[in-house]
Amino acid sequence: MAAARATPARNLPRTPRYIELADDLRRQILDGTLPAEGFPTENMLCTRYGVSRFTVREALRTLQNEGLIQRRRGSGTIVQSAAARGGALHQPLSNVGEILQYARDSRFEFARDGDHALPKAISDQLDIGLPGKWARFRGLRLREGEKGPVAVTDAYIHPDLAAVADRIDVSGETIFRQVERLGRLRIARVTQDIKAVAASAAIAEALLVPRRSPCLRLLRCYVDENDRIVEISVSHHPGDRFAYHMHIEVDA
């Protein structure tokens, strides 16, 4: 189980500089700004970004662990080709801001899909009583240049927030941000469970993959300050179009 903590914007701790640098370099790699050959040297990056060599090395280590670059002693750094990294969508996650970055790097085609009881598999896994009819939003996450959707997602809004669900703009910002704003609440915690599953017939059809193809299923719970789960999202990602990266700060 991976967990991310959200705090009011004014109280957010500063993102480590090496993470900011890795985010910027990742964006340039994925949009083709950085060429496969001629990747900047450590000295060039230190000068360009005004950071220490340690910061640069940690940022490059992050990208190497994601499979985006390859570093060779004496030969410098090269960008891995899309074929070498599988053309996958790379999602870092250590805080809610990175969930939002993921949302900005792709687009969702969502639609309201009625009110439903939570699927038994979700209720059983969460092992807590979550009765009632939850407003469901169903959609596909798409990214330019991909051969198919990078995710199919069902998002469920708590029955207590039915009036909020009715006001969700499916073409607007992320659903959980709209739930915060329209419900006048704050997401205090996000939990995430990642599981390898075989694509069901319905998931396979949506993702344009063969039935029982390997997928990563991400189950996220958005929890408010009263420890109430206000939204649950279940996303299925095809194995060859998604890579997951997480950094963990080690306490001294």
C-alpha atoms as a PDB file:
ATOM      1  CA  MET A   1       0.000   0.000   0.000  1.00  0.00           C
ATOM      2  CA  ALA A   2       1.422   3.402  -0.994  1.00  0.00           C
ATOM      3  CA  ALA A   3       0.141   6.538   0.649  1.00  0.00           C
ATOM      4  CA  ALA A   4       0.423  10.202  -0.267  1.00  0.00           C
ATOM      5  CA  ARG A   5      -0.308  13.075   2.082  1.00  0.00           C
ATOM      6  CA  ALA A   6      -2.016  16.292   1.072  1.00  0.00           C
ATOM      7  CA  THR A   7      -1.812  19.494   3.107  1.00  0.00           C
ATOM      8  CA  PRO A   8      -3.092  23.010   2.472  1.00  0.00           C
ATOM      9  CA  ALA A   9      -1.059  24.704  -0.232  1.00  0.00           C
ATOM     10  CA  ARG A  10       0.306  27.288   2.179  1.00  0.00           C
ATOM     11  CA  ASN A  11       1.725  24.526   4.406  1.00  0.00           C
ATOM     12  CA  LEU A  12       3.181  22.264   1.739  1.00  0.00           C
ATOM     13  CA  PRO A  13       6.823  21.403   2.368  1.00  0.00           C
ATOM     14  CA  ARG A  14       9.143  22.425  -0.418  1.00  0.00           C
ATOM     15  CA  THR A  15       9.658  19.730  -3.020  1.00  0.00           C
ATOM     16  CA  PRO A  16      13.278  18.476  -2.940  1.00  0.00           C
ATOM     17  CA  ARG A  17      15.297  20.243  -5.603  1.00  0.00           C
ATOM     18  CA  TYR A  18      16.434  17.014  -7.231  1.00  0.00           C
ATOM     19  CA  ILE A  19      12.781  15.998  -7.692  1.00  0.00           C
ATOM     20  CA  GLU A  20      12.010  19.352  -9.337  1.00  0.00           C
ATOM     21  CA  LEU A  21      15.003  18.874 -11.632  1.00  0.00           C
ATOM     22  CA  ALA A  22      14.007  15.287 -12.454  1.00  0.00           C
ATOM     23  CA  ASP A  23      10.444  16.472 -13.214  1.00  0.00           C
ATOM     24  CA  ASP A  24      11.707  19.114 -15.645  1.00  0.00           C
ATOM     25  CA  LEU A  25      14.133  16.751 -17.381  1.00  0.00           C
ATOM     26  CA  ARG A  26      11.457  14.035 -17.586  1.00  0.00           C
ATOM     27  CA  ARG A  27       9.071  16.449 -19.257  1.00  0.00           C
ATOM     28  CA  GLN A  28      11.734  17.400 -21.812  1.00  0.00           C
ATOM     29  CA  ILE A  29      12.548  13.755 -22.502  1.00  0.00           C
ATOM     30  CA  LEU A  30       8.919  12.762 -23.009  1.00  0.00           C
ATOM     31  CA  ASP A  31       8.067  15.713 -25.244  1.00  0.00           C
ATOM     32  CA  GLY A  32      11.238  15.226 -27.317  1.00  0.00           C
ATOM     33  CA  THR A  33      12.957  18.461 -26.303  1.00  0.00           C
ATOM     34  CA  LEU A  34      16.070  16.604 -25.144  1.00  0.00           C
ATOM     35  CA  PRO A  35      17.734  14.689 -27.976  1.00  0.00           C
ATOM     36  CA  ALA A  36      18.746  11.051 -27.618  1.00  0.00           C
ATOM     37  CA  GLU A  37      22.366  12.066 -28.152  1.00  0.00           C
ATOM     38  CA  GLY A  38      24.053  15.122 -26.674  1.00  0.00           C
ATOM     39  CA  PHE A  39      22.418  14.977 -23.255  1.00  0.00           C
ATOM     40  CA  PRO A  40      23.778  17.808 -21.059  1.00  0.00           C
ATOM     41  CA  THR A  41      26.721  16.921 -18.852  1.00  0.00           C
ATOM     42  CA  GLU A  42      26.515  17.136 -15.068  1.00  0.00           C
ATOM     43  CA  ASN A  43      28.487  20.390 -15.161  1.00  0.00           C
ATOM     44  CA  MET A  44      26.136  21.866 -17.745  1.00  0.00           C
ATOM     45  CA  LEU A  45      23.089  20.936 -15.671  1.00  0.00           C
ATOM     46  CA  CYS A  46      24.671  22.394 -12.522  1.00  0.00           C
ATOM     47  CA  THR A  47      25.238  25.681 -14.328  1.00  0.00           C
ATOM     48  CA  ARG A  48      21.921  25.759 -16.161  1.00  0.00           C
ATOM     49  CA  TYR A  49      19.800  25.068 -13.078  1.00  0.00           C
ATOM     50  CA  GLY A  50      22.033  26.602 -10.417  1.00  0.00           C
ATOM     51  CA  VAL A  51      22.185  23.411  -8.367  1.00  0.00           C
ATOM     52  CA  SER A  52      24.868  21.236  -6.816  1.00  0.00           C
ATOM     53  CA  ARG A  53      26.420  18.171  -8.412  1.00  0.00           C
ATOM     54  CA  PHE A  54      24.720  16.031  -5.747  1.00  0.00           C
ATOM     55  CA  THR A  55      21.304  17.388  -6.829  1.00  0.00           C
ATOM     56  CA  VAL A  56      22.063  16.645 -10.477  1.00  0.00           C
ATOM     57  CA  ARG A  57      23.245  13.124  -9.734  1.00  0.00           C
ATOM     58  CA  GLU A  58      20.153  12.340  -7.648  1.00  0.00           C
ATOM     59  CA  ALA A  59      17.891  13.661 -10.423  1.00  0.00           C
ATOM     60  CA  LEU A  60      19.693  11.563 -13.028  1.00  0.00           C
ATOM     61  CA  ARG A  61      19.549   8.522 -10.760  1.00  0.00           C
ATOM     62  CA  THR A  62      15.772   8.985 -10.555  1.00  0.00           C
ATOM     63  CA  LEU A  63      15.434   9.115 -14.352  1.00  0.00           C
ATOM     64  CA  GLN A  64      17.723   6.134 -14.784  1.00  0.00           C
ATOM     65  CA  ASN A  65      15.633   4.102 -12.351  1.00  0.00           C
ATOM     66  CA  GLU A  66      12.574   4.984 -14.433  1.00  0.00           C
ATOM     67  CA  GLY A  67      14.305   3.665 -17.555  1.00  0.00           C
ATOM     68  CA  LEU A  68      14.269   7.054 -19.284  1.00  0.00           C
ATOM     69  CA  ILE A  69      18.041   7.483 -19.559  1.00  0.00           C
ATOM     70  CA  GLN A  70      21.143   5.339 -19.591  1.00  0.00           C
ATOM     71  CA  ARG A  71      24.395   6.438 -17.999  1.00  0.00           C
ATOM     72  CA  ARG A  72      27.707   4.980 -19.075  1.00  0.00           C
ATOM     73  CA  ARG A  73      31.014   5.684 -17.456  1.00  0.00           C
ATOM     74  CA  GLY A  74      33.171   7.582 -19.930  1.00  0.00           C
ATOM     75  CA  SER A  75      30.318   7.948 -22.443  1.00  0.00           C
ATOM     76  CA  GLY A  76      27.978  10.316 -20.636  1.00  0.00           C
ATOM     77  CA  THR A  77      24.195  10.109 -20.541  1.00  0.00           C
ATOM     78  CA  ILE A  78      21.864   9.119 -23.364  1.00  0.00           C
ATOM     79  CA  VAL A  79      18.074   9.204 -23.588  1.00  0.00           C
ATOM     80  CA  GLN A  80      16.534   5.779 -23.957  1.00  0.00           C
ATOM     81  CA  SER A  81      14.452   5.416 -27.101  1.00  0.00           C
ATOM     82  CA  ALA A  82      10.692   5.024 -26.781  1.00  0.00           C
ATOM     83  CA  ALA A  83      11.093   1.450 -27.983  1.00  0.00           C
ATOM     84  CA  ALA A  84      13.682   0.700 -25.296  1.00  0.00           C
ATOM     85  CA  ARG A  85      11.414   1.990 -22.525  1.00  0.00           C
ATOM     86  CA  GLY A  86       8.324   0.370 -24.001  1.00  0.00           C
ATOM     87  CA  GLY A  87       6.626   3.641 -24.917  1.00  0.00           C
ATOM     88  CA  ALA A  88       5.042   3.564 -21.474  1.00  0.00           C
ATOM     89  CA  LEU A  89       3.490   6.443 -19.616  1.00  0.00           C
ATOM     90  CA  HIS A  90       5.661   7.151 -16.571  1.00  0.00           C
ATOM     91  CA  GLN A  91       3.869   8.266 -13.429  1.00  0.00           C
ATOM     92  CA  PRO A  92       5.841   9.468 -10.426  1.00  0.00           C
ATOM     93  CA  LEU A  93       3.927   9.695  -7.168  1.00  0.00           C
ATOM     94  CA  SER A  94       5.005  11.051  -3.821  1.00  0.00           C
ATOM     95  CA  ASN A  95       2.327  13.701  -3.288  1.00  0.00           C
ATOM     96  CA  VAL A  96      -0.961  14.992  -4.668  1.00  0.00           C
ATOM     97  CA  GLY A  97       0.902  17.489  -6.843  1.00  0.00           C
ATOM     98  CA  GLU A  98       2.360  14.617  -8.821  1.00  0.00           C
ATOM     99  CA  ILE A  99      -1.108  13.130  -9.314  1.00  0.00           C
ATOM    100  CA  LEU A 100      -2.067  16.486 -10.828  1.00  0.00           C
ATOM    101  CA  GLN A 101       1.040  16.455 -13.036  1.00  0.00           C
ATOM    102  CA  TYR A 102      -0.007  13.038 -14.319  1.00  0.00           C
ATOM    103  CA  ALA A 103      -3.422  14.504 -15.112  1.00  0.00           C
ATOM    104  CA  ARG A 104      -1.843  17.391 -17.029  1.00  0.00           C
ATOM    105  CA  ASP A 105       0.354  15.071 -19.107  1.00  0.00           C
ATOM    106  CA  SER A 106      -2.671  13.273 -20.554  1.00  0.00           C
ATOM    107  CA  ARG A 107      -6.387  13.840 -20.951  1.00  0.00           C
ATOM    108  CA  PHE A 108      -9.478  12.090 -19.660  1.00  0.00           C
ATOM    109  CA  GLU A 109     -12.734  11.475 -21.458  1.00  0.00           C
ATOM    110  CA  PHE A 110     -15.140  11.051 -18.524  1.00  0.00           C
ATOM    111  CA  ALA A 111     -18.909  10.643 -18.387  1.00  0.00           C
ATOM    112  CA  ARG A 112     -21.408  10.327 -15.534  1.00  0.00           C
ATOM    113  CA  ASP A 113     -22.527   6.719 -15.321  1.00  0.00           C
ATOM    114  CA  GLY A 114     -25.384   6.682 -12.843  1.00  0.00           C
ATOM    115  CA  ASP A 115     -25.425   5.704  -9.168  1.00  0.00           C
ATOM    116  CA  HIS A 116     -24.192   2.302  -8.027  1.00  0.00           C
ATOM    117  CA  ALA A 117     -23.284   0.275  -4.980  1.00  0.00           C
ATOM    118  CA  LEU A 118     -19.537  -0.207  -4.760  1.00  0.00           C
ATOM    119  CA  PRO A 119     -18.364  -3.384  -6.517  1.00  0.00           C
ATOM    120  CA  LYS A 120     -18.038  -6.243  -4.037  1.00  0.00           C
ATOM    121  CA  ALA A 121     -14.342  -6.678  -4.853  1.00  0.00           C
ATOM    122  CA  ILE A 122     -13.646  -3.097  -3.727  1.00  0.00           C
ATOM    123  CA  SER A 123     -15.780  -3.347  -0.583  1.00  0.00           C
ATOM    124  CA  ASP A 124     -14.132  -6.631   0.350  1.00  0.00           C
ATOM    125  CA  GLN A 125     -10.631  -5.269  -0.175  1.00  0.00           C
ATOM    126  CA  LEU A 126     -11.253  -2.082   1.824  1.00  0.00           C
ATOM    127  CA  ASP A 127     -12.964  -4.172   4.522  1.00  0.00           C
ATOM    128  CA  ILE A 128     -15.037  -1.266   5.818  1.00  0.00           C
ATOM    129  CA  GLY A 129     -18.743  -0.578   5.614  1.00  0.00           C
ATOM    130  CA  LEU A 130     -19.427   1.679   2.633  1.00  0.00           C
ATOM    131  CA  PRO A 131     -23.162   1.318   1.930  1.00  0.00           C
ATOM    132  CA  GLY A 132     -25.439   3.291  -0.339  1.00  0.00           C
ATOM    133  CA  LYS A 133     -25.385   4.318  -3.961  1.00  0.00           C
ATOM    134  CA  TRP A 134     -22.213   6.097  -5.078  1.00  0.00           C
ATOM    135  CA  ALA A 135     -22.202   8.415  -8.095  1.00  0.00           C
ATOM    136  CA  ARG A 136     -19.976   6.779 -10.701  1.00  0.00           C
ATOM    137  CA  PHE A 137     -17.916   8.486 -13.379  1.00  0.00           C
ATOM    138  CA  ARG A 138     -16.348   6.282 -16.034  1.00  0.00           C
ATOM    139  CA  GLY A 139     -13.713   7.295 -18.524  1.00  0.00           C
ATOM    140  CA  LEU A 140     -10.570   6.664 -20.515  1.00  0.00           C
ATOM    141  CA  ARG A 141      -7.228   8.366 -20.065  1.00  0.00           C
ATOM    142  CA  LEU A 142      -5.581   9.138 -23.395  1.00  0.00           C
ATOM    143  CA  ARG A 143      -2.170  10.407 -24.388  1.00  0.00           C
ATOM    144  CA  GLU A 144      -1.035  11.762 -27.737  1.00  0.00           C
ATOM    145  CA  GLY A 145       0.815   9.173 -29.800  1.00  0.00           C
ATOM    146  CA  GLU A 146      -0.324   6.115 -27.834  1.00  0.00           C
ATOM    147  CA  LYS A 147      -1.828   3.180 -29.708  1.00  0.00           C
ATOM    148  CA  GLY A 148      -4.681   2.994 -27.234  1.00  0.00           C
ATOM    149  CA  PRO A 149      -5.920   4.336 -23.893  1.00  0.00           C
ATOM    150  CA  VAL A 150      -3.368   4.386 -21.072  1.00  0.00           C
ATOM    151  CA  ALA A 151      -6.101   3.734 -18.493  1.00  0.00           C
ATOM    152  CA  VAL A 152      -9.767   3.039 -17.974  1.00  0.00           C
ATOM    153  CA  THR A 153     -11.047   4.480 -14.696  1.00  0.00           C
ATOM    154  CA  ASP A 154     -14.167   4.288 -12.565  1.00  0.00           C
ATOM    155  CA  ALA A 155     -14.453   7.066  -9.978  1.00  0.00           C
ATOM    156  CA  TYR A 156     -17.031   6.784  -7.185  1.00  0.00           C
ATOM    157  CA  ILE A 157     -18.266   9.769  -5.129  1.00  0.00           C
ATOM    158  CA  HIS A 158     -19.568   9.168  -1.582  1.00  0.00           C
ATOM    159  CA  PRO A 159     -23.391   9.117  -1.241  1.00  0.00           C
ATOM    160  CA  ASP A 160     -23.216  12.043   1.217  1.00  0.00           C
ATOM    161  CA  LEU A 161     -21.862  14.142  -1.647  1.00  0.00           C
ATOM    162  CA  ALA A 162     -24.608  13.369  -4.184  1.00  0.00           C
ATOM    163  CA  ALA A 163     -25.317  17.078  -4.701  1.00  0.00           C
ATOM    164  CA  VAL A 164     -21.614  17.657  -5.335  1.00  0.00           C
ATOM    165  CA  ALA A 165     -21.498  14.788  -7.832  1.00  0.00           C
ATOM    166  CA  ASP A 166     -24.360  16.362  -9.766  1.00  0.00           C
ATOM    167  CA  ARG A 167     -22.233  19.499 -10.251  1.00  0.00           C
ATOM    168  CA  ILE A 168     -19.045  17.758 -11.424  1.00  0.00           C
ATOM    169  CA  ASP A 169     -17.840  19.086 -14.780  1.00  0.00           C
ATOM    170  CA  VAL A 170     -16.437  16.089 -16.625  1.00  0.00           C
ATOM    171  CA  SER A 171     -14.458  18.401 -18.905  1.00  0.00           C
ATOM    172  CA  GLY A 172     -12.986  20.371 -16.009  1.00  0.00           C
ATOM    173  CA  GLU A 173     -10.230  19.794 -13.463  1.00  0.00           C
ATOM    174  CA  THR A 174      -9.614  16.470 -11.739  1.00  0.00           C
ATOM    175  CA  ILE A 175     -12.647  15.022  -9.992  1.00  0.00           C
ATOM    176  CA  PHE A 176     -11.073  14.980  -6.540  1.00  0.00           C
ATOM    177  CA  ARG A 177     -10.188  18.687  -6.823  1.00  0.00           C
ATOM    178  CA  GLN A 178     -13.786  19.448  -7.806  1.00  0.00           C
ATOM    179  CA  VAL A 179     -15.034  17.374  -4.861  1.00  0.00           C
ATOM    180  CA  GLU A 180     -12.819  19.477  -2.567  1.00  0.00           C
ATOM    181  CA  ARG A 181     -13.976  22.777  -3.998  1.00  0.00           C
ATOM    182  CA  LEU A 182     -17.689  22.029  -4.425  1.00  0.00           C
ATOM    183  CA  GLY A 183     -17.962  20.064  -1.192  1.00  0.00           C
ATOM    184  CA  ARG A 184     -16.034  22.674   0.832  1.00  0.00           C
ATOM    185  CA  LEU A 185     -13.737  20.016   2.222  1.00  0.00           C
ATOM    186  CA  ARG A 186     -10.060  19.131   2.104  1.00  0.00           C
ATOM    187  CA  ILE A 187      -8.477  15.911   0.951  1.00  0.00           C
ATOM    188  CA  ALA A 188      -6.163  15.108   3.851  1.00  0.00           C
ATOM    189  CA  ARG A 189      -4.851  11.745   2.710  1.00  0.00           C
ATOM    190  CA  VAL A 190      -4.702   9.582  -0.395  1.00  0.00           C
ATOM    191  CA  THR A 191      -4.091   5.857  -0.130  1.00  0.00           C
ATOM    192  CA  GLN A 192      -3.149   3.773  -3.122  1.00  0.00           C
ATOM    193  CA  ASP A 193      -3.065   0.029  -3.662  1.00  0.00           C
ATOM    194  CA  ILE A 194      -1.362  -1.415  -6.748  1.00  0.00           C
ATOM    195  CA  LYS A 195      -2.127  -4.913  -7.946  1.00  0.00           C
ATOM    196  CA  ALA A 196      -1.307  -6.928 -11.068  1.00  0.00           C
ATOM    197  CA  VAL A 197      -4.495  -8.340 -12.591  1.00  0.00           C
ATOM    198  CA  ALA A 198      -5.688  -9.953 -15.795  1.00  0.00           C
ATOM    199  CA  ALA A 199      -7.931  -7.773 -17.952  1.00  0.00           C
ATOM    200  CA  SER A 200     -11.589  -8.753 -17.834  1.00  0.00           C
ATOM    201  CA  ALA A 201     -13.566  -8.804 -21.067  1.00  0.00           C
ATOM    202  CA  ALA A 202     -14.919  -5.293 -20.410  1.00  0.00           C
ATOM    203  CA  ILE A 203     -11.523  -3.847 -19.450  1.00  0.00           C
ATOM    204  CA  ALA A 204      -9.814  -5.506 -22.407  1.00  0.00           C
ATOM    205  CA  GLU A 205     -12.387  -4.063 -24.807  1.00  0.00           C
ATOM    206  CA  ALA A 206     -11.944  -0.553 -23.375  1.00  0.00           C
ATOM    207  CA  LEU A 207      -8.125  -0.712 -23.473  1.00  0.00           C
ATOM    208  CA  LEU A 208      -7.949  -2.394 -26.898  1.00  0.00           C
ATOM    209  CA  VAL A 209      -5.964  -5.364 -25.570  1.00  0.00           C
ATOM    210  CA  PRO A 210      -6.605  -9.122 -25.579  1.00  0.00           C
ATOM    211  CA  ARG A 211      -8.708 -10.514 -22.757  1.00  0.00           C
ATOM    212  CA  ARG A 212      -6.665 -11.555 -19.705  1.00  0.00           C
ATOM    213  CA  SER A 213      -3.765  -9.325 -20.763  1.00  0.00           C
ATOM    214  CA  PRO A 214      -1.615  -8.162 -17.818  1.00  0.00           C
ATOM    215  CA  CYS A 215      -2.762  -4.878 -16.282  1.00  0.00           C
ATOM    216  CA  LEU A 216      -1.891  -2.789 -13.276  1.00  0.00           C
ATOM    217  CA  ARG A 217      -4.913  -1.930 -11.179  1.00  0.00           C
ATOM    218  CA  LEU A 218      -4.608   1.222  -9.064  1.00  0.00           C
ATOM    219  CA  LEU A 219      -7.164   1.585  -6.281  1.00  0.00           C
ATOM    220  CA  ARG A 220      -7.093   5.069  -4.734  1.00  0.00           C
ATOM    221  CA  CYS A 221      -9.062   6.324  -1.763  1.00  0.00           C
ATOM    222  CA  TYR A 222      -9.343  10.065  -1.182  1.00  0.00           C
ATOM    223  CA  VAL A 223      -9.901  10.727   2.529  1.00  0.00           C
ATOM    224  CA  ASP A 224     -11.027  14.020   4.058  1.00  0.00           C
ATOM    225  CA  GLU A 225     -10.090  15.572   7.395  1.00  0.00           C
ATOM    226  CA  ASN A 226     -12.906  13.678   9.124  1.00  0.00           C
ATOM    227  CA  ASP A 227     -11.382  10.378   7.994  1.00  0.00           C
ATOM    228  CA  ARG A 228     -14.214   9.849   5.529  1.00  0.00           C
ATOM    229  CA  ILE A 229     -13.533   8.310   2.127  1.00  0.00           C
ATOM    230  CA  VAL A 230     -15.083  10.873  -0.211  1.00  0.00           C
ATOM    231  CA  GLU A 231     -13.906   9.365  -3.499  1.00  0.00           C
ATOM    232  CA  ILE A 232     -12.665   5.994  -4.678  1.00  0.00           C
ATOM    233  CA  SER A 233     -11.071   5.540  -8.075  1.00  0.00           C
ATOM    234  CA  VAL A 234     -10.199   2.266  -9.756  1.00  0.00           C
ATOM    235  CA  SER A 235      -7.880   2.496 -12.765  1.00  0.00           C
ATOM    236  CA  HIS A 236      -6.676  -0.311 -14.992  1.00  0.00           C
ATOM    237  CA  HIS A 237      -3.501   0.321 -16.991  1.00  0.00           C
ATOM    238  CA  PRO A 238      -2.246  -1.970 -19.772  1.00  0.00           C
ATOM    239  CA  GLY A 239       1.116  -3.385 -18.774  1.00  0.00           C
ATOM    240  CA  ASP A 240       2.972  -2.123 -21.853  1.00  0.00           C
ATOM    241  CA  ARG A 241       1.705   1.487 -21.605  1.00  0.00           C
ATOM    242  CA  PHE A 242       2.356   2.373 -17.992  1.00  0.00           C
ATOM    243  CA  ALA A 243       5.341   2.550 -15.647  1.00  0.00           C
ATOM    244  CA  TYR A 244       5.069   3.514 -12.001  1.00  0.00           C
ATOM    245  CA  HIS A 245       7.783   5.393 -10.120  1.00  0.00           C
ATOM    246  CA  MET A 246       7.822   6.394  -6.468  1.00  0.00           C
ATOM    247  CA  HIS A 247      10.506   8.114  -4.427  1.00  0.00           C
ATOM    248  CA  ILE A 248      10.700   7.582  -0.681  1.00  0.00           C
ATOM    249  CA  GLU A 249      12.370  10.012   1.669  1.00  0.00           C
ATOM    250  CA  VAL A 250      14.505   8.224   4.253  1.00  0.00           C
ATOM    251  CA  ASP A 251      14.211   9.662   7.759  1.00  0.00           C
ATOM    252  CA  ALA A 252      17.491  10.434   9.465  1.00  0.00           C
END
